[in-house]
Amino acid sequence: MDKVNLMLDTCAINHVLDFEVDPKIFSRKRFYLWVTHIQEKEIKKTQNEDRRKALLSTFKRLELNDISIESGIWGATNWGRSKFSSDRGELYKKIKEDLDNKKKKRNNNMDALIGETALKKKFILVTDDKDFLEVYLENNVEAIFLNTLISRIHKGFYE
């Protein structure tokens, strides 16, 4: 079986730490784990210093691959770590609008960028945010809850 490309959102990374998930479950033989600079930025904004250090340690232990964001948004994405979108950001705007309609949150723009990147790269988005998951599935982003992914791994689904 080909390796599976997984895009972890910040919520999933938090839950890897909270649920003491062994990073070895995401073997490089089976999976490539991807993040954008946004997930790391969000983790670095964690107020509690001990929590932030634990999350950054989890981030490193997961051996995540970095990928550029598909749409550069002034003030939200880092120069050199985002691209000019071939669709003028239409997919990003659609996902963000759907997220805002579901529940207006401060970080919907960041979540929309992560989801857009996952869709354009054909990665499976791993999240534990119910609203996020629903919006992505509605926008044809392949997405899965972290606990569902782990259950499938244990059942040999990705062998």
Protein backbone atom coordinates (compact mmCIF):
# COMPACT_ATOMS: atom_id res chain seq x y z
CA MET A 1 0.00 0.00 0.00
CA ASP A 2 1.21 3.54 -0.79
CA LYS A 3 2.03 5.83 2.09
CA VAL A 4 -0.88 7.88 3.35
CA ASN A 5 -0.46 11.66 3.57
CA LEU A 6 -2.02 13.10 6.72
CA MET A 7 -2.38 16.81 7.55
CA LEU A 8 -2.67 17.25 11.32
CA ASP A 9 -4.47 20.32 12.60
CA THR A 10 -3.53 21.93 15.91
CA CYS A 11 -6.44 20.28 17.73
CA ALA A 12 -5.19 16.83 16.70
CA ILE A 13 -1.66 17.65 17.87
CA ASN A 14 -3.10 18.74 21.23
CA HIS A 15 -4.97 15.45 21.52
CA VAL A 16 -1.89 13.39 20.65
CA LEU A 17 -0.41 14.94 23.80
CA ASP A 18 -3.59 14.77 25.93
CA PHE A 19 -4.37 11.15 25.11
CA GLU A 20 -0.70 10.10 25.30
CA VAL A 21 -0.75 8.72 21.77
CA ASP A 22 2.57 7.08 20.93
CA PRO A 23 3.95 8.95 17.89
CA LYS A 24 5.36 5.63 16.67
CA ILE A 25 1.81 4.65 15.68
CA PHE A 26 2.29 7.01 12.72
CA SER A 27 5.12 4.93 11.29
CA ARG A 28 6.99 6.50 8.39
CA LYS A 29 6.52 3.16 6.63
CA ARG A 30 2.80 3.91 6.37
CA PHE A 31 2.33 7.66 6.80
CA TYR A 32 3.71 11.04 5.93
CA LEU A 33 2.60 13.60 8.53
CA TRP A 34 2.26 17.17 7.29
CA VAL A 35 1.75 20.58 8.88
CA THR A 36 1.96 24.16 7.74
CA HIS A 37 3.61 26.98 9.64
CA ILE A 38 0.16 27.82 11.03
CA GLN A 39 -0.01 24.84 13.41
CA GLU A 40 3.40 25.66 14.87
CA LYS A 41 2.42 29.35 15.17
CA GLU A 42 -0.76 28.41 17.05
CA ILE A 43 1.17 26.13 19.41
CA LYS A 44 3.73 28.85 20.13
CA LYS A 45 0.85 31.15 21.17
CA THR A 46 -0.18 28.73 23.95
CA GLN A 47 -0.29 30.83 27.14
CA ASN A 48 0.67 28.13 29.65
CA GLU A 49 4.43 27.70 29.37
CA ASP A 50 4.49 24.05 30.50
CA ARG A 51 1.72 23.19 28.05
CA ARG A 52 3.49 25.05 25.23
CA LYS A 53 6.75 23.17 25.91
CA ALA A 54 4.92 19.82 25.99
CA LEU A 55 3.15 20.62 22.71
CA LEU A 56 6.39 21.67 21.02
CA SER A 57 7.99 18.43 22.22
CA THR A 58 5.05 16.46 20.79
CA PHE A 59 5.40 18.44 17.57
CA LYS A 60 9.04 17.32 17.28
CA ARG A 61 8.39 13.69 18.27
CA LEU A 62 5.77 13.36 15.53
CA GLU A 63 8.46 14.05 12.90
CA LEU A 64 6.17 16.34 10.95
CA ASN A 65 6.92 17.49 7.41
CA ASP A 66 6.40 21.17 6.67
CA ILE A 67 4.48 22.31 3.61
CA SER A 68 3.65 25.77 2.28
CA ILE A 69 0.13 27.15 2.55
CA GLU A 70 -1.71 27.16 -0.78
CA SER A 71 -3.01 30.75 -0.45
CA GLY A 72 -1.05 33.66 0.94
CA ILE A 73 -3.21 35.89 3.15
CA TRP A 74 -1.68 39.20 4.21
CA GLY A 75 -1.17 39.22 7.99
CA ALA A 76 -2.11 35.56 8.42
CA THR A 77 0.54 33.62 6.53
CA ASN A 78 4.31 33.90 6.55
CA TRP A 79 6.13 35.25 3.52
CA GLY A 80 8.04 32.41 1.86
CA ARG A 81 5.80 29.76 3.45
CA SER A 82 2.70 30.42 1.37
CA LYS A 83 1.86 30.64 -2.32
CA PHE A 84 -0.17 32.80 -4.63
CA SER A 85 -3.32 30.77 -5.15
CA SER A 86 -4.11 29.68 -8.69
CA ASP A 87 -7.82 30.15 -7.96
CA ARG A 88 -7.39 33.62 -6.38
CA GLY A 89 -8.25 32.20 -2.99
CA GLU A 90 -11.78 31.16 -3.96
CA LEU A 91 -11.55 27.76 -2.25
CA TYR A 92 -10.09 29.37 0.88
CA LYS A 93 -12.90 31.97 0.92
CA LYS A 94 -15.57 29.27 0.48
CA ILE A 95 -14.20 27.15 3.33
CA LYS A 96 -13.81 30.18 5.62
CA GLU A 97 -17.35 31.34 4.86
CA ASP A 98 -18.69 27.86 5.64
CA LEU A 99 -16.72 27.78 8.91
CA ASP A 100 -18.03 31.24 9.85
CA ASN A 101 -21.60 30.17 9.07
CA LYS A 102 -21.16 27.10 11.26
CA LYS A 103 -19.57 28.98 14.17
CA LYS A 104 -17.77 32.32 14.02
CA LYS A 105 -14.34 31.77 15.58
CA ARG A 106 -11.22 33.93 15.59
CA ASN A 107 -9.07 31.24 13.97
CA ASN A 108 -11.44 30.23 11.14
CA ASN A 109 -9.15 31.91 8.62
CA MET A 110 -6.24 29.73 9.79
CA ASP A 111 -8.38 26.58 9.74
CA ALA A 112 -9.58 27.44 6.22
CA LEU A 113 -5.97 27.77 5.03
CA ILE A 114 -5.04 24.40 6.54
CA GLY A 115 -8.08 22.73 4.96
CA GLU A 116 -7.50 24.33 1.57
CA THR A 117 -3.91 23.08 1.61
CA ALA A 118 -5.02 19.56 2.59
CA LEU A 119 -7.55 19.49 -0.26
CA LYS A 120 -5.22 20.82 -2.94
CA LYS A 121 -2.45 18.42 -1.88
CA LYS A 122 -4.92 15.51 -1.58
CA PHE A 123 -3.98 14.94 2.08
CA ILE A 124 -6.33 13.49 4.67
CA LEU A 125 -7.04 16.16 7.29
CA VAL A 126 -6.85 14.84 10.87
CA THR A 127 -8.82 16.90 13.37
CA ASP A 128 -10.92 16.55 16.49
CA ASP A 129 -12.95 19.70 15.83
CA LYS A 130 -16.47 18.57 14.87
CA ASP A 131 -17.44 21.80 13.06
CA PHE A 132 -14.13 21.82 11.20
CA LEU A 133 -14.60 18.19 10.12
CA GLU A 134 -18.17 18.75 8.90
CA VAL A 135 -17.21 21.81 6.84
CA TYR A 136 -14.29 20.01 5.27
CA LEU A 137 -16.32 16.98 4.34
CA GLU A 138 -18.91 19.32 2.78
CA ASN A 139 -16.08 20.91 0.73
CA ASN A 140 -14.69 17.55 -0.44
CA VAL A 141 -11.67 17.61 1.86
CA GLU A 142 -11.02 14.07 3.03
CA ALA A 143 -11.04 14.37 6.82
CA ILE A 144 -11.08 12.10 9.85
CA PHE A 145 -11.21 12.36 13.63
CA LEU A 146 -7.94 11.44 15.36
CA ASN A 147 -9.55 8.66 17.42
CA THR A 148 -11.11 7.16 14.27
CA LEU A 149 -7.72 7.20 12.56
CA ILE A 150 -6.06 5.50 15.54
CA SER A 151 -8.81 2.88 15.66
CA ARG A 152 -8.32 2.16 11.95
CA ILE A 153 -4.55 1.89 12.41
CA HIS A 154 -5.03 -0.66 15.22
CA LYS A 155 -7.43 -2.64 13.01
CA GLY A 156 -4.83 -2.81 10.23
CA PHE A 157 -6.79 -0.56 7.87
CA TYR A 158 -3.59 1.06 6.54
CA GLU A 159 -1.52 -2.12 6.15
